Amino acid sequence: MKRKVVILIILWICFILQTTVFKMLQFSNSAPNLLLILTVSVGFMQGRKEGLLTGFISGLMIDLFYGNLFGFYALIYMLSGYLSGHFCDVYYDEDIKVPLVLVAITDFGYNFVIYVTRFLLRGRRNFPGYLTKIILPDIVFTVLIAIIFYRILYKINHAMVAREKEGTKSLWIKG
């Protein structure tokens, strides 16, 4: 239960930072996607179910405040969390390469789906321009922020796992 509360608090903080502070720090019309980093990180560290739930809540928050089509972002984030949860089996402490590659791949997929649904279906077929002006800078910026942000999430996760293990060793709690 404590883990879910902590993840909800982190999710709320990420949402506020992504929609306020990082919107002002835009570089080449792109801002880091903290909610995607959080969704991928939780899925990678905790598994498919937690990644799916974190992604659903993240996407639902974006849908509620900024979305045109309700459930669109919830579906994208949910799939990102679920798919990154498949890599939970290869989770290794202190290894940052796999989560960074997952963040890059899911960010590309996120932006590609947005391109297809928002631009391509409306007849705008300038994918090379969209790729170089929007997708690639967004991936680079998100991965650079993920280097720092993943370390913070890793330390929080490590502390929660240690506390959960400590609680199961108690004489009063049967685990």
Protein backbone atom coordinates (compact mmCIF):
# COMPACT_ATOMS: atom_id res chain seq x y z
CA MET A 1 0.00 0.00 0.00
CA LYS A 2 2.84 2.37 0.82
CA ARG A 3 4.37 1.70 -2.57
CA LYS A 4 1.18 2.72 -4.36
CA VAL A 5 0.90 5.92 -2.34
CA VAL A 6 4.53 6.79 -3.06
CA ILE A 7 4.06 6.13 -6.79
CA LEU A 8 0.91 8.29 -6.83
CA ILE A 9 2.78 11.15 -5.13
CA ILE A 10 5.68 10.83 -7.59
CA LEU A 11 3.19 10.67 -10.46
CA TRP A 12 1.49 13.86 -9.32
CA ILE A 13 4.86 15.64 -8.93
CA CYS A 14 5.93 14.49 -12.40
CA PHE A 15 2.66 15.68 -13.91
CA ILE A 16 3.03 19.11 -12.34
CA LEU A 17 6.68 19.40 -13.41
CA GLN A 18 5.96 18.20 -16.95
CA THR A 19 3.05 20.55 -17.51
CA THR A 20 4.56 23.65 -15.90
CA VAL A 21 8.31 23.84 -15.40
CA PHE A 22 9.45 21.67 -18.31
CA LYS A 23 7.07 23.38 -20.73
CA MET A 24 9.07 26.56 -20.13
CA LEU A 25 12.36 24.69 -20.72
CA GLN A 26 11.41 23.59 -24.21
CA PHE A 27 14.26 22.91 -26.56
CA SER A 28 13.44 22.82 -30.28
CA ASN A 29 9.69 22.50 -29.63
CA SER A 30 10.17 19.49 -27.36
CA ALA A 31 10.04 18.96 -23.63
CA PRO A 32 10.97 15.84 -21.65
CA ASN A 33 8.14 13.43 -21.00
CA LEU A 34 8.48 12.73 -17.27
CA LEU A 35 5.32 10.66 -17.11
CA LEU A 36 6.66 8.36 -19.80
CA ILE A 37 9.95 8.02 -17.93
CA LEU A 38 8.05 7.19 -14.73
CA THR A 39 5.79 4.69 -16.49
CA VAL A 40 8.68 2.90 -18.17
CA SER A 41 10.75 2.90 -14.97
CA VAL A 42 7.95 1.51 -12.80
CA GLY A 43 7.16 -1.13 -15.41
CA PHE A 44 10.81 -2.06 -15.71
CA MET A 45 11.43 -2.25 -11.96
CA GLN A 46 8.11 -3.68 -10.77
CA GLY A 47 6.57 -5.58 -13.67
CA ARG A 48 3.71 -5.46 -16.14
CA LYS A 49 0.84 -4.87 -13.73
CA GLU A 50 2.41 -1.89 -11.96
CA GLY A 51 3.62 -0.45 -15.27
CA LEU A 52 0.17 -0.81 -16.76
CA LEU A 53 -1.51 0.89 -13.78
CA THR A 54 1.04 3.70 -13.64
CA GLY A 55 0.70 4.25 -17.36
CA PHE A 56 -3.09 4.26 -17.17
CA ILE A 57 -3.15 6.87 -14.40
CA SER A 58 -0.50 8.97 -16.17
CA GLY A 59 -2.38 8.94 -19.44
CA LEU A 60 -5.68 9.54 -17.71
CA MET A 61 -4.29 12.68 -16.08
CA ILE A 62 -3.14 14.00 -19.46
CA ASP A 63 -6.51 13.08 -21.00
CA LEU A 64 -8.41 14.86 -18.26
CA PHE A 65 -6.45 18.09 -18.46
CA TYR A 66 -5.18 18.30 -22.05
CA GLY A 67 -6.64 15.55 -24.22
CA ASN A 68 -9.09 15.99 -27.06
CA LEU A 69 -10.04 12.33 -27.28
CA PHE A 70 -10.64 10.82 -23.83
CA GLY A 71 -8.63 7.65 -23.25
CA PHE A 72 -6.16 8.20 -26.10
CA TYR A 73 -3.15 9.03 -23.92
CA ALA A 74 -4.26 6.55 -21.26
CA LEU A 75 -4.04 3.79 -23.85
CA ILE A 76 -0.62 4.88 -25.11
CA TYR A 77 0.88 5.18 -21.63
CA MET A 78 -0.77 1.96 -20.50
CA LEU A 79 0.76 0.03 -23.40
CA SER A 80 4.15 1.63 -22.71
CA GLY A 81 4.06 0.55 -19.07
CA TYR A 82 2.85 -2.94 -19.91
CA LEU A 83 5.45 -3.51 -22.62
CA SER A 84 8.30 -2.21 -20.47
CA GLY A 85 7.08 -4.51 -17.69
CA HIS A 86 8.07 -7.46 -19.86
CA PHE A 87 11.69 -6.48 -19.26
CA CYS A 88 11.31 -6.79 -15.49
CA ASP A 89 12.93 -10.23 -15.72
CA VAL A 90 16.17 -8.66 -16.97
CA TYR A 91 16.11 -5.96 -14.29
CA TYR A 92 19.58 -5.61 -12.86
CA ASP A 93 20.61 -3.17 -10.17
CA GLU A 94 22.81 -0.31 -11.29
CA ASP A 95 22.26 -1.04 -14.99
CA ILE A 96 20.95 2.07 -16.69
CA LYS A 97 21.35 1.05 -20.34
CA VAL A 98 18.20 -1.06 -20.63
CA PRO A 99 15.84 1.53 -19.09
CA LEU A 100 17.31 4.29 -21.25
CA VAL A 101 16.83 2.22 -24.39
CA LEU A 102 13.26 1.45 -23.26
CA VAL A 103 12.59 5.15 -22.68
CA ALA A 104 13.95 5.99 -26.14
CA ILE A 105 11.91 3.27 -27.86
CA THR A 106 8.68 4.09 -26.04
CA ASP A 107 9.17 7.81 -26.65
CA PHE A 108 9.61 7.12 -30.35
CA GLY A 109 6.49 4.93 -30.34
CA TYR A 110 4.55 7.60 -28.43
CA ASN A 111 5.53 10.32 -30.90
CA PHE A 112 4.95 8.06 -33.90
CA VAL A 113 1.41 7.23 -32.77
CA ILE A 114 0.75 10.94 -32.26
CA TYR A 115 2.10 11.65 -35.76
CA VAL A 116 -0.11 8.98 -37.32
CA THR A 117 -3.28 9.97 -35.49
CA ARG A 118 -2.87 13.74 -35.46
CA PHE A 119 -1.07 14.46 -38.74
CA LEU A 120 -0.98 11.55 -41.19
CA LEU A 121 -4.70 10.87 -40.98
CA ARG A 122 -5.29 14.54 -41.81
CA GLY A 123 -3.21 14.36 -44.96
CA ARG A 124 0.03 15.85 -43.63
CA ARG A 125 2.71 13.50 -44.90
CA ASN A 126 5.91 15.28 -43.96
CA PHE A 127 7.30 12.53 -41.73
CA PRO A 128 10.99 13.40 -42.29
CA GLY A 129 10.31 16.96 -41.13
CA TYR A 130 8.32 15.75 -38.12
CA LEU A 131 11.05 13.24 -37.32
CA THR A 132 13.88 15.78 -37.37
CA LYS A 133 12.03 18.69 -35.77
CA ILE A 134 9.87 16.95 -33.17
CA ILE A 135 10.62 13.27 -32.58
CA LEU A 136 14.43 13.17 -32.43
CA PRO A 137 14.86 16.27 -30.21
CA ASP A 138 12.13 14.95 -27.93
CA ILE A 139 13.83 11.56 -27.64
CA VAL A 140 17.22 13.13 -26.91
CA PHE A 141 15.80 15.52 -24.31
CA THR A 142 13.73 12.79 -22.63
CA VAL A 143 16.65 10.35 -22.49
CA LEU A 144 18.97 13.01 -21.03
CA ILE A 145 16.45 13.78 -18.29
CA ALA A 146 15.87 10.03 -17.80
CA ILE A 147 19.53 9.57 -16.89
CA ILE A 148 19.01 11.72 -13.80
CA PHE A 149 15.38 10.86 -13.10
CA TYR A 150 15.86 7.09 -13.33
CA ARG A 151 18.57 7.22 -10.66
CA ILE A 152 16.15 8.99 -8.31
CA LEU A 153 13.40 6.47 -9.02
CA TYR A 154 15.87 3.60 -8.58
CA LYS A 155 16.90 4.85 -5.13
CA ILE A 156 13.27 5.29 -4.07
CA ASN A 157 12.43 1.79 -5.33
CA HIS A 158 15.47 0.31 -3.62
CA ALA A 159 14.49 1.96 -0.31
CA MET A 160 10.90 0.68 -0.59
CA VAL A 161 12.04 -2.87 -1.39
CA ALA A 162 14.45 -2.81 1.55
CA ARG A 163 11.68 -1.57 3.84
CA GLU A 164 9.29 -4.27 2.58
CA LYS A 165 11.90 -6.97 3.17
CA GLU A 166 12.55 -5.59 6.63
CA GLY A 167 8.82 -5.73 7.40
CA THR A 168 8.55 -9.39 6.41
CA LYS A 169 11.37 -10.32 8.81
CA SER A 170 9.41 -8.98 11.76
CA LEU A 171 8.24 -11.42 14.43
CA TRP A 172 4.82 -9.78 14.48
CA ILE A 173 4.12 -9.86 10.75
CA LYS A 174 3.76 -13.19 9.02
CA GLY A 175 4.92 -13.06 5.42
